[in-house]
All heavy atoms as atom14 arrays in JSON, in Angstrom:
{
  "sequence": "ARNQLESTDATLERIASTCGFGTTDTLIRAFRRK",
  "atom14_mask": [
    [1, 1, 1, 1, 1, 0, 0, 0, 0, 0, 0, 0, 0, 0],
    [1, 1, 1, 1, 1, 1, 1, 1, 1, 1, 1, 0, 0, 0],
    [1, 1, 1, 1, 1, 1, 1, 1, 0, 0, 0, 0, 0, 0],
    [1, 1, 1, 1, 1, 1, 1, 1, 1, 0, 0, 0, 0, 0],
    [1, 1, 1, 1, 1, 1, 1, 1, 0, 0, 0, 0, 0, 0],
    [1, 1, 1, 1, 1, 1, 1, 1, 1, 0, 0, 0, 0, 0],
    [1, 1, 1, 1, 1, 1, 0, 0, 0, 0, 0, 0, 0, 0],
    [1, 1, 1, 1, 1, 1, 1, 0, 0, 0, 0, 0, 0, 0],
    [1, 1, 1, 1, 1, 1, 1, 1, 0, 0, 0, 0, 0, 0],
    [1, 1, 1, 1, 1, 0, 0, 0, 0, 0, 0, 0, 0, 0],
    [1, 1, 1, 1, 1, 1, 1, 0, 0, 0, 0, 0, 0, 0],
    [1, 1, 1, 1, 1, 1, 1, 1, 0, 0, 0, 0, 0, 0],
    [1, 1, 1, 1, 1, 1, 1, 1, 1, 0, 0, 0, 0, 0],
    [1, 1, 1, 1, 1, 1, 1, 1, 1, 1, 1, 0, 0, 0],
    [1, 1, 1, 1, 1, 1, 1, 1, 0, 0, 0, 0, 0, 0],
    [1, 1, 1, 1, 1, 0, 0, 0, 0, 0, 0, 0, 0, 0],
    [1, 1, 1, 1, 1, 1, 0, 0, 0, 0, 0, 0, 0, 0],
    [1, 1, 1, 1, 1, 1, 1, 0, 0, 0, 0, 0, 0, 0],
    [1, 1, 1, 1, 1, 1, 0, 0, 0, 0, 0, 0, 0, 0],
    [1, 1, 1, 1, 0, 0, 0, 0, 0, 0, 0, 0, 0, 0],
    [1, 1, 1, 1, 1, 1, 1, 1, 1, 1, 1, 0, 0, 0],
    [1, 1, 1, 1, 0, 0, 0, 0, 0, 0, 0, 0, 0, 0],
    [1, 1, 1, 1, 1, 1, 1, 0, 0, 0, 0, 0, 0, 0],
    [1, 1, 1, 1, 1, 1, 1, 0, 0, 0, 0, 0, 0, 0],
    [1, 1, 1, 1, 1, 1, 1, 1, 0, 0, 0, 0, 0, 0],
    [1, 1, 1, 1, 1, 1, 1, 0, 0, 0, 0, 0, 0, 0],
    [1, 1, 1, 1, 1, 1, 1, 1, 0, 0, 0, 0, 0, 0],
    [1, 1, 1, 1, 1, 1, 1, 1, 0, 0, 0, 0, 0, 0],
    [1, 1, 1, 1, 1, 1, 1, 1, 1, 1, 1, 0, 0, 0],
    [1, 1, 1, 1, 1, 0, 0, 0, 0, 0, 0, 0, 0, 0],
    [1, 1, 1, 1, 1, 1, 1, 1, 1, 1, 1, 0, 0, 0],
    [1, 1, 1, 1, 1, 1, 1, 1, 1, 1, 1, 0, 0, 0],
    [1, 1, 1, 1, 1, 1, 1, 1, 1, 1, 1, 0, 0, 0],
    [1, 1, 1, 1, 1, 1, 1, 1, 1, 0, 0, 0, 0, 0]
  ],
  "atom14_positions": [
    [[189.47, 240.99, 11.06], [188.43, 241.92, 11.5], [188.86, 243.37, 11.3], [188.06, 244.22, 10.9], [188.1, 241.67, 12.98], [0.0, 0.0, 0.0], [0.0, 0.0, 0.0], [0.0, 0.0, 0.0], [0.0, 0.0, 0.0], [0.0, 0.0, 0.0], [0.0, 0.0, 0.0], [0.0, 0.0, 0.0], [0.0, 0.0, 0.0], [0.0, 0.0, 0.0]],
    [[190.13, 243.65, 11.57], [190.64, 245.0, 11.34], [190.48, 245.4, 9.89], [190.04, 246.52, 9.57], [192.13, 245.08, 11.72], [192.4, 245.06, 13.21], [193.87, 244.84, 13.49], [194.69, 245.87, 12.88], [196.01, 245.79, 12.77], [196.64, 244.73, 13.2], [196.69, 246.77, 12.23], [0.0, 0.0, 0.0], [0.0, 0.0, 0.0], [0.0, 0.0, 0.0]],
    [[190.81, 244.5, 8.99], [190.68, 244.8, 7.56], [189.23, 245.08, 7.18], [188.95, 246.0, 6.4], [191.21, 243.62, 6.73], [192.72, 243.49, 6.82], [193.41, 244.44, 7.15], [193.23, 242.3, 6.55], [0.0, 0.0, 0.0], [0.0, 0.0, 0.0], [0.0, 0.0, 0.0], [0.0, 0.0, 0.0], [0.0, 0.0, 0.0], [0.0, 0.0, 0.0]],
    [[188.31, 244.31, 7.74], [186.9, 244.54, 7.43], [186.4, 245.85, 8.03], [185.61, 246.56, 7.41], [186.06, 243.37, 7.93], [186.29, 242.08, 7.15], [185.22, 241.03, 7.42], [184.1, 241.35, 7.82], [185.56, 239.77, 7.2], [0.0, 0.0, 0.0], [0.0, 0.0, 0.0], [0.0, 0.0, 0.0], [0.0, 0.0, 0.0], [0.0, 0.0, 0.0]],
    [[186.86, 246.17, 9.22], [186.47, 247.43, 9.84], [186.96, 248.63, 9.05], [186.3, 249.66, 8.96], [187.0, 247.5, 11.27], [186.31, 246.58, 12.29], [187.15, 246.49, 13.57], [184.91, 247.07, 12.61], [0.0, 0.0, 0.0], [0.0, 0.0, 0.0], [0.0, 0.0, 0.0], [0.0, 0.0, 0.0], [0.0, 0.0, 0.0], [0.0, 0.0, 0.0]],
    [[188.14, 248.49, 8.44], [188.72, 249.59, 7.67], [188.07, 249.75, 6.31], [187.94, 250.86, 5.8], [190.23, 249.34, 7.46], [191.06, 249.4, 8.73], [192.5, 248.99, 8.48], [192.93, 249.07, 7.32], [193.18, 248.59, 9.43], [0.0, 0.0, 0.0], [0.0, 0.0, 0.0], [0.0, 0.0, 0.0], [0.0, 0.0, 0.0], [0.0, 0.0, 0.0]],
    [[187.67, 248.65, 5.69], [187.3, 248.71, 4.27], [185.84, 248.41, 3.97], [185.41, 248.54, 2.82], [188.17, 247.71, 3.48], [187.99, 246.39, 3.95], [0.0, 0.0, 0.0], [0.0, 0.0, 0.0], [0.0, 0.0, 0.0], [0.0, 0.0, 0.0], [0.0, 0.0, 0.0], [0.0, 0.0, 0.0], [0.0, 0.0, 0.0], [0.0, 0.0, 0.0]],
    [[185.06, 247.99, 4.98], [183.65, 247.71, 4.73], [182.79, 248.36, 5.81], [183.3, 248.84, 6.82], [183.35, 246.2, 4.73], [183.3, 245.72, 6.09], [184.4, 245.43, 3.95], [0.0, 0.0, 0.0], [0.0, 0.0, 0.0], [0.0, 0.0, 0.0], [0.0, 0.0, 0.0], [0.0, 0.0, 0.0], [0.0, 0.0, 0.0], [0.0, 0.0, 0.0]],
    [[181.49, 248.35, 5.58], [180.53, 248.82, 6.56], [179.78, 247.66, 7.19], [178.67, 247.83, 7.7], [179.53, 249.79, 5.92], [180.04, 251.22, 5.95], [181.04, 251.46, 6.63], [179.41, 252.08, 5.31], [0.0, 0.0, 0.0], [0.0, 0.0, 0.0], [0.0, 0.0, 0.0], [0.0, 0.0, 0.0], [0.0, 0.0, 0.0], [0.0, 0.0, 0.0]],
    [[180.36, 246.48, 7.17], [179.73, 245.31, 7.78], [179.49, 245.57, 9.27], [180.3, 246.21, 9.94], [180.61, 244.08, 7.59], [0.0, 0.0, 0.0], [0.0, 0.0, 0.0], [0.0, 0.0, 0.0], [0.0, 0.0, 0.0], [0.0, 0.0, 0.0], [0.0, 0.0, 0.0], [0.0, 0.0, 0.0], [0.0, 0.0, 0.0], [0.0, 0.0, 0.0]],
    [[178.38, 245.06, 9.78], [178.08, 245.22, 11.2], [179.05, 244.39, 12.03], [179.69, 243.46, 11.53], [176.65, 244.76, 11.51], [176.55, 243.35, 11.23], [175.63, 245.53, 10.67], [0.0, 0.0, 0.0], [0.0, 0.0, 0.0], [0.0, 0.0, 0.0], [0.0, 0.0, 0.0], [0.0, 0.0, 0.0], [0.0, 0.0, 0.0], [0.0, 0.0, 0.0]],
    [[179.13, 244.71, 13.32], [180.0, 243.93, 14.2], [179.53, 242.48, 14.26], [180.36, 241.57, 14.38], [180.01, 244.55, 15.6], [180.64, 245.93, 15.76], [180.82, 246.25, 17.24], [181.98, 246.01, 15.04], [0.0, 0.0, 0.0], [0.0, 0.0, 0.0], [0.0, 0.0, 0.0], [0.0, 0.0, 0.0], [0.0, 0.0, 0.0], [0.0, 0.0, 0.0]],
    [[178.2, 242.26, 14.21], [177.69, 240.89, 14.24], [178.2, 240.09, 13.05], [178.64, 238.93, 13.19], [176.15, 240.89, 14.24], [175.55, 241.39, 15.54], [175.41, 242.91, 15.59], [175.93, 243.59, 14.68], [174.79, 243.42, 16.55], [0.0, 0.0, 0.0], [0.0, 0.0, 0.0], [0.0, 0.0, 0.0], [0.0, 0.0, 0.0], [0.0, 0.0, 0.0]],
    [[178.19, 240.72, 11.87], [178.64, 240.01, 10.67], [180.15, 239.77, 10.73], [180.65, 238.7, 10.36], [178.28, 240.81, 9.42], [178.73, 240.14, 8.12], [178.15, 240.83, 6.9], [178.63, 240.22, 5.67], [178.17, 239.11, 5.15], [177.2, 238.44, 5.78], [178.66, 238.62, 4.02], [0.0, 0.0, 0.0], [0.0, 0.0, 0.0], [0.0, 0.0, 0.0]],
    [[180.91, 240.77, 11.17], [182.36, 240.62, 11.26], [182.72, 239.53, 12.26], [183.6, 238.7, 12.01], [183.02, 241.96, 11.65], [182.88, 242.96, 10.5], [184.49, 241.77, 12.01], [183.35, 244.36, 10.85], [0.0, 0.0, 0.0], [0.0, 0.0, 0.0], [0.0, 0.0, 0.0], [0.0, 0.0, 0.0], [0.0, 0.0, 0.0], [0.0, 0.0, 0.0]],
    [[182.02, 239.52, 13.4], [182.28, 238.49, 14.41], [182.03, 237.1, 13.84], [182.79, 236.15, 14.1], [181.4, 238.72, 15.64], [0.0, 0.0, 0.0], [0.0, 0.0, 0.0], [0.0, 0.0, 0.0], [0.0, 0.0, 0.0], [0.0, 0.0, 0.0], [0.0, 0.0, 0.0], [0.0, 0.0, 0.0], [0.0, 0.0, 0.0], [0.0, 0.0, 0.0]],
    [[180.99, 236.98, 13.01], [180.66, 235.68, 12.42], [181.67, 235.26, 11.36], [182.21, 234.15, 11.4], [179.26, 235.73, 11.82], [178.95, 234.53, 11.15], [0.0, 0.0, 0.0], [0.0, 0.0, 0.0], [0.0, 0.0, 0.0], [0.0, 0.0, 0.0], [0.0, 0.0, 0.0], [0.0, 0.0, 0.0], [0.0, 0.0, 0.0], [0.0, 0.0, 0.0]],
    [[181.97, 236.16, 10.41], [182.85, 235.79, 9.3], [184.3, 235.62, 9.74], [185.07, 234.91, 9.08], [182.79, 236.85, 8.19], [183.19, 238.12, 8.73], [181.4, 236.94, 7.6], [0.0, 0.0, 0.0], [0.0, 0.0, 0.0], [0.0, 0.0, 0.0], [0.0, 0.0, 0.0], [0.0, 0.0, 0.0], [0.0, 0.0, 0.0], [0.0, 0.0, 0.0]],
    [[184.69, 236.25, 10.85], [186.07, 236.14, 11.31], [186.25, 235.07, 12.38], [187.36, 234.92, 12.93], [186.55, 237.49, 11.86], [186.66, 238.78, 10.6], [0.0, 0.0, 0.0], [0.0, 0.0, 0.0], [0.0, 0.0, 0.0], [0.0, 0.0, 0.0], [0.0, 0.0, 0.0], [0.0, 0.0, 0.0], [0.0, 0.0, 0.0], [0.0, 0.0, 0.0]],
    [[185.19, 234.32, 12.68], [185.35, 233.18, 13.57], [185.21, 233.48, 15.04], [185.45, 232.6, 15.87], [0.0, 0.0, 0.0], [0.0, 0.0, 0.0], [0.0, 0.0, 0.0], [0.0, 0.0, 0.0], [0.0, 0.0, 0.0], [0.0, 0.0, 0.0], [0.0, 0.0, 0.0], [0.0, 0.0, 0.0], [0.0, 0.0, 0.0], [0.0, 0.0, 0.0]],
    [[184.79, 234.7, 15.41], [184.63, 235.02, 16.82], [183.31, 234.5, 17.39], [183.19, 234.29, 18.6], [184.71, 236.54, 17.03], [186.07, 237.1, 16.8], [186.34, 237.82, 15.64], [187.08, 236.91, 17.71], [187.59, 238.35, 15.41], [188.35, 237.44, 17.5], [188.6, 238.16, 16.34], [0.0, 0.0, 0.0], [0.0, 0.0, 0.0], [0.0, 0.0, 0.0]],
    [[182.33, 234.33, 16.53], [181.05, 233.82, 16.97], [180.12, 234.9, 17.47], [179.02, 235.06, 16.96], [0.0, 0.0, 0.0], [0.0, 0.0, 0.0], [0.0, 0.0, 0.0], [0.0, 0.0, 0.0], [0.0, 0.0, 0.0], [0.0, 0.0, 0.0], [0.0, 0.0, 0.0], [0.0, 0.0, 0.0], [0.0, 0.0, 0.0], [0.0, 0.0, 0.0]],
    [[180.52, 235.64, 18.47], [179.68, 236.69, 19.05], [180.43, 238.01, 19.07], [181.67, 238.05, 19.06], [179.25, 236.34, 20.48], [180.4, 236.37, 21.34], [178.62, 234.95, 20.54], [0.0, 0.0, 0.0], [0.0, 0.0, 0.0], [0.0, 0.0, 0.0], [0.0, 0.0, 0.0], [0.0, 0.0, 0.0], [0.0, 0.0, 0.0], [0.0, 0.0, 0.0]],
    [[179.67, 239.1, 19.14], [180.3, 240.42, 19.21], [181.06, 240.6, 20.52], [182.08, 241.28, 20.56], [179.26, 241.54, 19.07], [178.25, 241.37, 20.07], [178.62, 241.52, 17.69], [0.0, 0.0, 0.0], [0.0, 0.0, 0.0], [0.0, 0.0, 0.0], [0.0, 0.0, 0.0], [0.0, 0.0, 0.0], [0.0, 0.0, 0.0], [0.0, 0.0, 0.0]],
    [[180.56, 239.99, 21.59], [181.28, 240.09, 22.87], [182.67, 239.48, 22.76], [183.65, 240.05, 23.28], [180.49, 239.38, 23.97], [179.28, 240.17, 24.44], [179.23, 241.39, 24.15], [178.39, 239.59, 25.08], [0.0, 0.0, 0.0], [0.0, 0.0, 0.0], [0.0, 0.0, 0.0], [0.0, 0.0, 0.0], [0.0, 0.0, 0.0], [0.0, 0.0, 0.0]],
    [[182.78, 238.35, 22.09], [184.1, 237.72, 21.91], [184.99, 238.6, 21.04], [186.19, 238.75, 21.31], [183.93, 236.33, 21.26], [183.05, 235.54, 22.06], [185.28, 235.63, 21.15], [0.0, 0.0, 0.0], [0.0, 0.0, 0.0], [0.0, 0.0, 0.0], [0.0, 0.0, 0.0], [0.0, 0.0, 0.0], [0.0, 0.0, 0.0], [0.0, 0.0, 0.0]],
    [[184.42, 239.19, 20.0], [185.16, 240.11, 19.13], [185.7, 241.29, 19.94], [186.88, 241.66, 19.83], [184.25, 240.6, 18.0], [184.77, 241.76, 17.14], [185.97, 241.32, 16.32], [183.65, 242.28, 16.24], [0.0, 0.0, 0.0], [0.0, 0.0, 0.0], [0.0, 0.0, 0.0], [0.0, 0.0, 0.0], [0.0, 0.0, 0.0], [0.0, 0.0, 0.0]],
    [[184.84, 241.89, 20.75], [185.24, 243.06, 21.53], [186.33, 242.71, 22.53], [187.31, 243.43, 22.69], [184.01, 243.67, 22.24], [183.05, 244.27, 21.21], [184.43, 244.73, 23.25], [181.67, 244.57, 21.73], [0.0, 0.0, 0.0], [0.0, 0.0, 0.0], [0.0, 0.0, 0.0], [0.0, 0.0, 0.0], [0.0, 0.0, 0.0], [0.0, 0.0, 0.0]],
    [[186.16, 241.56, 23.2], [187.18, 241.14, 24.17], [188.53, 240.91, 23.5], [189.58, 241.26, 24.04], [186.73, 239.88, 24.9], [185.64, 240.11, 25.93], [185.53, 238.93, 26.89], [185.17, 237.7, 26.19], [183.93, 237.31, 25.98], [182.92, 238.05, 26.43], [183.67, 236.18, 25.35], [0.0, 0.0, 0.0], [0.0, 0.0, 0.0], [0.0, 0.0, 0.0]],
    [[188.51, 240.33, 22.29], [189.76, 240.09, 21.57], [190.43, 241.41, 21.19], [191.67, 241.54, 21.28], [189.48, 239.26, 20.31], [0.0, 0.0, 0.0], [0.0, 0.0, 0.0], [0.0, 0.0, 0.0], [0.0, 0.0, 0.0], [0.0, 0.0, 0.0], [0.0, 0.0, 0.0], [0.0, 0.0, 0.0], [0.0, 0.0, 0.0], [0.0, 0.0, 0.0]],
    [[189.65, 242.4, 20.76], [190.22, 243.7, 20.41], [190.81, 244.39, 21.64], [191.88, 244.99, 21.57], [189.15, 244.59, 19.76], [189.21, 244.58, 18.26], [188.95, 243.43, 17.55], [189.56, 245.72, 17.55], [189.01, 243.4, 16.17], [189.64, 245.72, 16.17], [189.36, 244.55, 15.47], [0.0, 0.0, 0.0], [0.0, 0.0, 0.0], [0.0, 0.0, 0.0]],
    [[190.12, 244.29, 22.76], [190.66, 244.91, 23.98], [191.95, 244.21, 24.39], [192.9, 244.85, 24.83], [189.63, 244.83, 25.11], [188.44, 245.76, 24.91], [187.69, 245.93, 26.22], [186.5, 246.75, 26.07], [186.5, 248.07, 26.06], [187.64, 248.73, 26.14], [185.37, 248.75, 25.94], [0.0, 0.0, 0.0], [0.0, 0.0, 0.0], [0.0, 0.0, 0.0]],
    [[191.97, 242.9, 24.25], [193.14, 242.13, 24.66], [194.33, 242.37, 23.73], [195.46, 242.55, 24.18], [192.78, 240.65, 24.7], [193.88, 239.72, 25.19], [193.33, 238.35, 25.57], [192.46, 237.79, 24.56], [191.14, 237.6, 24.73], [190.55, 237.95, 25.85], [190.41, 237.05, 23.77], [0.0, 0.0, 0.0], [0.0, 0.0, 0.0], [0.0, 0.0, 0.0]],
    [[194.08, 242.39, 22.44], [195.17, 242.49, 21.46], [195.55, 243.93, 21.15], [196.73, 244.23, 20.92], [194.77, 241.79, 20.15], [194.66, 240.28, 20.24], [196.03, 239.64, 20.34], [195.93, 238.12, 20.26], [197.25, 237.48, 20.39], [0.0, 0.0, 0.0], [0.0, 0.0, 0.0], [0.0, 0.0, 0.0], [0.0, 0.0, 0.0], [0.0, 0.0, 0.0]]
  ]
}
């Protein structure tokens, strides 16, 4: 997800899906945690 955030303009919804998080909430929680 970090790589996609740095190099693409994909939405958070798309990044959450392609990176296996499923939802943006799960993506956000993982970023806060890590």
